[in-house]
Amino acid sequence: MEVNFDEELLVGLRIDPNYDEDILHQVLRIAVYDEYHAYNTYKKTIDTFGDMRPFSNIMQAEITHYSALIPLLQKYNVPVPIDNWYEKIELPSTVLECCEVGVAAEIDNIKMYDNLLLYTKDYPDITDVLYRLQAASYNNHLPTFRSCVKQYSTTPVNVADIYSQYSSHDTGEDMMSKVNEFSELAQKISSGKMSQEDIVKLLGNTNMSFIGGILLGGIGAGLATSMLKNQDEKEEN
């Protein structure tokens, strides 16, 4: 199996300012590699358990996502990482657990883009794509996998517990608190019901890159590129 020269960095999902590789290279390669990871996870689930939703439609969405990133790597002369995920992925034994893996993977993806966006302020074309991909994970993929868990589960769903069980990264409790809070704000913005208190809460939050990605998807399907917009509409049907 071929190995990427920066494999450890790629699977870490975070920029390392002390790493030898240029920051921009890190941003783009990490993003593509994680989208590869998601695609192969859902593909292997289908290969193992059969062609079924939501894995089939979200797998197709992941193709759209890394396809949106590849032109940026080409534009900035960044080597495209090797997709070597399929053989490395070990699935759990039930569809329910695969849905739980999906929840954890999408939360990791949201957090990854939150970190990457800290380093793209001088590259509006990259920032734009990363925001849209983060929004797609938040607005479409994560809720879909949460519904999948509920569909196959006979017990109440605790997303933070799912995340801590299946993710190799830190606890998801803070992230899920943010997700729920920003979800309410996004709904208020889109319906025109945002109060002054809500605005203060939004603007007072220091983690603006995460908010930007979430709210972009919450208020503006019309702002997305036609490719991502069309894919998101397919996922909702």
Protein backbone atom coordinates (compact mmCIF):
# COMPACT_ATOMS: atom_id res chain seq x y z
CA MET A 1 0.00 0.00 0.00
CA GLU A 2 1.32 3.42 -0.93
CA VAL A 3 1.80 5.86 1.94
CA ASN A 4 1.66 9.65 1.93
CA PHE A 5 4.84 11.36 3.08
CA ASP A 6 2.76 13.41 5.55
CA GLU A 7 0.38 10.64 6.65
CA GLU A 8 0.58 11.44 10.35
CA LEU A 9 -0.23 15.09 9.71
CA LEU A 10 -3.13 14.20 7.40
CA VAL A 11 -4.87 11.89 9.86
CA GLY A 12 -4.43 14.44 12.65
CA LEU A 13 -6.85 16.82 10.90
CA ARG A 14 -5.05 19.89 12.25
CA ILE A 15 -2.44 22.31 10.97
CA ASP A 16 1.01 22.02 12.54
CA PRO A 17 2.73 25.44 12.24
CA ASN A 18 6.07 23.78 13.02
CA TYR A 19 5.77 21.18 10.29
CA ASP A 20 8.19 21.40 7.37
CA GLU A 21 5.41 21.54 4.80
CA ASP A 22 3.94 24.91 3.77
CA ILE A 23 0.73 25.85 5.64
CA LEU A 24 -1.29 26.11 2.44
CA HIS A 25 -0.15 22.64 1.40
CA GLN A 26 -1.23 21.32 4.78
CA VAL A 27 -4.67 22.94 4.55
CA LEU A 28 -5.53 21.53 1.15
CA ARG A 29 -4.02 18.07 1.62
CA ILE A 30 -5.69 17.58 5.02
CA ALA A 31 -9.06 18.60 3.60
CA VAL A 32 -8.86 16.27 0.61
CA TYR A 33 -7.59 13.36 2.67
CA ASP A 34 -10.46 13.61 5.14
CA GLU A 35 -13.00 13.72 2.32
CA TYR A 36 -11.31 10.58 0.95
CA HIS A 37 -11.72 9.05 4.40
CA ALA A 38 -15.44 9.76 4.50
CA TYR A 39 -15.99 8.47 0.97
CA ASN A 40 -14.17 5.21 1.63
CA THR A 41 -15.90 4.68 4.98
CA TYR A 42 -19.32 4.92 3.39
CA LYS A 43 -18.27 2.91 0.34
CA LYS A 44 -16.96 0.09 2.52
CA THR A 45 -20.19 0.18 4.52
CA ILE A 46 -22.16 -0.33 1.29
CA ASP A 47 -19.80 -3.06 0.12
CA THR A 48 -20.28 -4.84 3.46
CA PHE A 49 -23.98 -4.33 4.23
CA GLY A 50 -25.45 -3.60 0.80
CA ASP A 51 -26.49 -0.50 -1.11
CA MET A 52 -28.61 1.54 1.29
CA ARG A 53 -29.33 5.08 2.32
CA PRO A 54 -28.02 7.27 3.79
CA PHE A 55 -24.61 5.79 2.98
CA SER A 56 -25.15 5.68 -0.77
CA ASN A 57 -26.22 9.31 -1.25
CA ILE A 58 -23.67 10.72 1.21
CA MET A 59 -20.92 8.66 -0.43
CA GLN A 60 -21.79 10.41 -3.71
CA ALA A 61 -21.72 13.76 -1.90
CA GLU A 62 -18.19 13.03 -0.70
CA ILE A 63 -17.10 12.62 -4.33
CA THR A 64 -18.50 16.08 -4.99
CA HIS A 65 -16.66 17.44 -1.97
CA TYR A 66 -13.17 16.24 -2.82
CA SER A 67 -13.82 17.10 -6.46
CA ALA A 68 -14.44 20.69 -5.35
CA LEU A 69 -11.06 20.71 -3.58
CA ILE A 70 -8.87 19.12 -6.25
CA PRO A 71 -8.87 22.19 -8.57
CA LEU A 72 -7.56 24.28 -5.67
CA LEU A 73 -4.64 21.91 -5.18
CA GLN A 74 -3.90 22.14 -8.88
CA LYS A 75 -4.16 25.93 -8.84
CA TYR A 76 -1.68 26.28 -5.97
CA ASN A 77 0.64 23.47 -7.13
CA VAL A 78 -0.11 21.28 -4.14
CA PRO A 79 0.41 17.52 -4.65
CA VAL A 80 -2.86 15.60 -4.40
CA PRO A 81 -2.63 13.07 -1.54
CA ILE A 82 -2.79 9.36 -2.26
CA ASP A 83 -6.17 7.84 -1.47
CA ASN A 84 -5.14 4.79 0.55
CA TRP A 85 -8.06 4.69 2.99
CA TYR A 86 -10.16 1.74 1.86
CA GLU A 87 -7.93 -1.06 3.11
CA LYS A 88 -7.23 0.77 6.38
CA ILE A 89 -10.88 1.16 7.38
CA GLU A 90 -12.24 -1.32 9.92
CA LEU A 91 -16.02 -1.24 10.19
CA PRO A 92 -18.07 -2.22 13.23
CA SER A 93 -20.36 -5.23 12.99
CA THR A 94 -23.79 -3.57 12.69
CA VAL A 95 -25.49 -0.91 10.57
CA LEU A 96 -26.37 1.01 13.75
CA GLU A 97 -22.70 1.25 14.67
CA CYS A 98 -21.86 2.36 11.11
CA CYS A 99 -24.40 5.17 11.51
CA GLU A 100 -22.66 6.10 14.76
CA VAL A 101 -19.33 6.10 12.94
CA GLY A 102 -20.92 8.52 10.46
CA VAL A 103 -21.93 10.88 13.27
CA ALA A 104 -18.41 10.91 14.71
CA ALA A 105 -16.80 11.31 11.28
CA GLU A 106 -18.97 14.29 10.36
CA ILE A 107 -18.28 16.02 13.69
CA ASP A 108 -14.56 15.50 13.13
CA ASN A 109 -14.98 16.93 9.63
CA ILE A 110 -16.72 20.05 10.97
CA LYS A 111 -13.98 20.54 13.57
CA MET A 112 -11.29 19.99 10.94
CA TYR A 113 -12.64 22.76 8.73
CA ASP A 114 -12.93 25.02 11.76
CA ASN A 115 -9.16 24.63 12.25
CA LEU A 116 -8.22 24.90 8.58
CA LEU A 117 -10.23 28.09 8.11
CA LEU A 118 -7.99 29.84 10.63
CA TYR A 119 -5.21 29.73 8.01
CA THR A 120 -7.00 30.72 4.79
CA LYS A 121 -7.85 34.37 5.37
CA ASP A 122 -5.52 35.45 2.55
CA TYR A 123 -7.08 32.97 0.11
CA PRO A 124 -10.76 33.85 -0.39
CA ASP A 125 -11.27 31.16 -3.04
CA ILE A 126 -10.10 28.48 -0.61
CA THR A 127 -12.04 29.98 2.29
CA ASP A 128 -15.20 29.98 0.20
CA VAL A 129 -14.96 26.28 -0.66
CA LEU A 130 -14.04 25.25 2.89
CA TYR A 131 -17.00 27.16 4.31
CA ARG A 132 -19.36 25.44 1.91
CA LEU A 133 -18.02 21.98 2.63
CA GLN A 134 -18.23 22.58 6.38
CA ALA A 135 -21.80 23.81 5.97
CA ALA A 136 -22.73 20.71 3.97
CA SER A 137 -21.39 18.46 6.72
CA TYR A 138 -23.29 20.38 9.37
CA ASN A 139 -26.57 20.98 7.56
CA ASN A 140 -26.89 17.71 5.66
CA HIS A 141 -24.53 14.91 6.62
CA LEU A 142 -24.55 15.18 10.42
CA PRO A 143 -28.35 15.43 10.79
CA THR A 144 -28.76 12.54 8.34
CA PHE A 145 -26.50 10.26 10.34
CA ARG A 146 -28.13 11.33 13.60
CA SER A 147 -31.47 10.28 12.07
CA CYS A 148 -29.85 7.04 10.93
CA VAL A 149 -28.80 6.28 14.51
CA LYS A 150 -32.31 6.97 15.76
CA GLN A 151 -33.77 4.75 13.06
CA TYR A 152 -31.70 1.72 14.05
CA SER A 153 -31.50 2.34 17.79
CA THR A 154 -33.93 1.24 20.49
CA THR A 155 -32.43 3.57 23.10
CA PRO A 156 -32.18 7.37 23.33
CA VAL A 157 -29.33 8.86 21.30
CA ASN A 158 -26.51 10.74 23.05
CA VAL A 159 -24.39 12.22 20.29
CA ALA A 160 -21.53 13.21 22.62
CA ASP A 161 -21.25 9.59 23.79
CA ILE A 162 -21.22 8.39 20.19
CA TYR A 163 -18.47 10.84 19.34
CA SER A 164 -16.28 9.90 22.29
CA GLN A 165 -16.67 6.21 21.45
CA TYR A 166 -15.82 6.37 17.74
CA SER A 167 -13.55 9.37 17.37
CA SER A 168 -9.83 9.32 18.09
CA HIS A 169 -9.98 13.05 18.82
CA ASP A 170 -11.10 14.94 21.90
CA THR A 171 -14.58 14.80 23.42
CA GLY A 172 -17.54 15.94 21.36
CA GLU A 173 -19.52 17.48 24.22
CA ASP A 174 -18.33 21.05 23.59
CA MET A 175 -18.70 20.65 19.85
CA MET A 176 -22.26 19.31 20.13
CA SER A 177 -23.16 22.16 22.46
CA LYS A 178 -21.96 24.57 19.79
CA VAL A 179 -23.73 22.64 17.06
CA ASN A 180 -27.07 22.83 18.88
CA GLU A 181 -26.64 26.51 19.74
CA PHE A 182 -25.61 27.54 16.23
CA SER A 183 -28.42 25.46 14.75
CA GLU A 184 -30.96 27.53 16.61
CA LEU A 185 -29.25 30.77 15.53
CA ALA A 186 -29.12 29.67 11.90
CA GLN A 187 -32.83 28.87 11.94
CA LYS A 188 -33.62 32.27 13.44
CA ILE A 189 -31.49 34.07 10.83
CA SER A 190 -33.10 32.21 7.95
CA SER A 191 -36.60 33.00 9.27
CA GLY A 192 -35.82 36.64 10.15
CA LYS A 193 -36.52 36.05 13.84
CA MET A 194 -33.08 36.80 15.25
CA SER A 195 -33.24 39.06 18.34
CA GLN A 196 -30.69 41.63 19.50
CA GLU A 197 -29.62 39.18 22.22
CA ASP A 198 -29.03 36.50 19.59
CA ILE A 199 -26.93 38.90 17.51
CA VAL A 200 -24.80 39.82 20.53
CA LYS A 201 -24.32 36.12 21.30
CA LEU A 202 -23.30 35.41 17.73
CA LEU A 203 -20.88 38.30 17.37
CA GLY A 204 -19.45 37.76 20.82
CA ASN A 205 -18.31 34.25 19.97
CA THR A 206 -14.62 34.16 19.12
CA ASN A 207 -14.83 31.09 16.94
CA MET A 208 -16.04 32.93 13.87
CA SER A 209 -14.75 30.47 11.29
CA PHE A 210 -17.03 27.74 12.63
CA ILE A 211 -19.98 30.15 12.73
CA GLY A 212 -19.23 31.27 9.20
CA GLY A 213 -19.36 27.78 7.83
CA ILE A 214 -22.49 26.83 9.71
CA LEU A 215 -24.45 29.96 8.91
CA LEU A 216 -23.44 29.98 5.27
CA GLY A 217 -25.28 26.72 4.85
CA GLY A 218 -28.08 27.81 7.17
CA ILE A 219 -29.01 30.98 5.32
CA GLY A 220 -27.76 30.65 1.80
CA ALA A 221 -28.24 27.63 -0.40
CA GLY A 222 -28.27 30.19 -3.18
CA LEU A 223 -24.74 31.22 -2.24
CA ALA A 224 -23.30 27.78 -2.84
CA THR A 225 -21.69 26.74 -6.04
CA SER A 226 -24.11 24.98 -8.35
CA MET A 227 -22.27 21.70 -7.89
CA LEU A 228 -22.57 21.68 -4.12
CA LYS A 229 -26.08 23.07 -4.19
CA ASN A 230 -27.32 20.34 -6.49
CA GLN A 231 -25.68 17.68 -4.37
CA ASP A 232 -27.20 19.03 -1.17
CA GLU A 233 -30.64 18.99 -2.75
CA LYS A 234 -30.14 15.33 -3.71
CA GLU A 235 -29.20 14.47 -0.13
CA GLU A 236 -32.37 16.03 1.23
CA ASN A 237 -34.63 14.00 -1.12
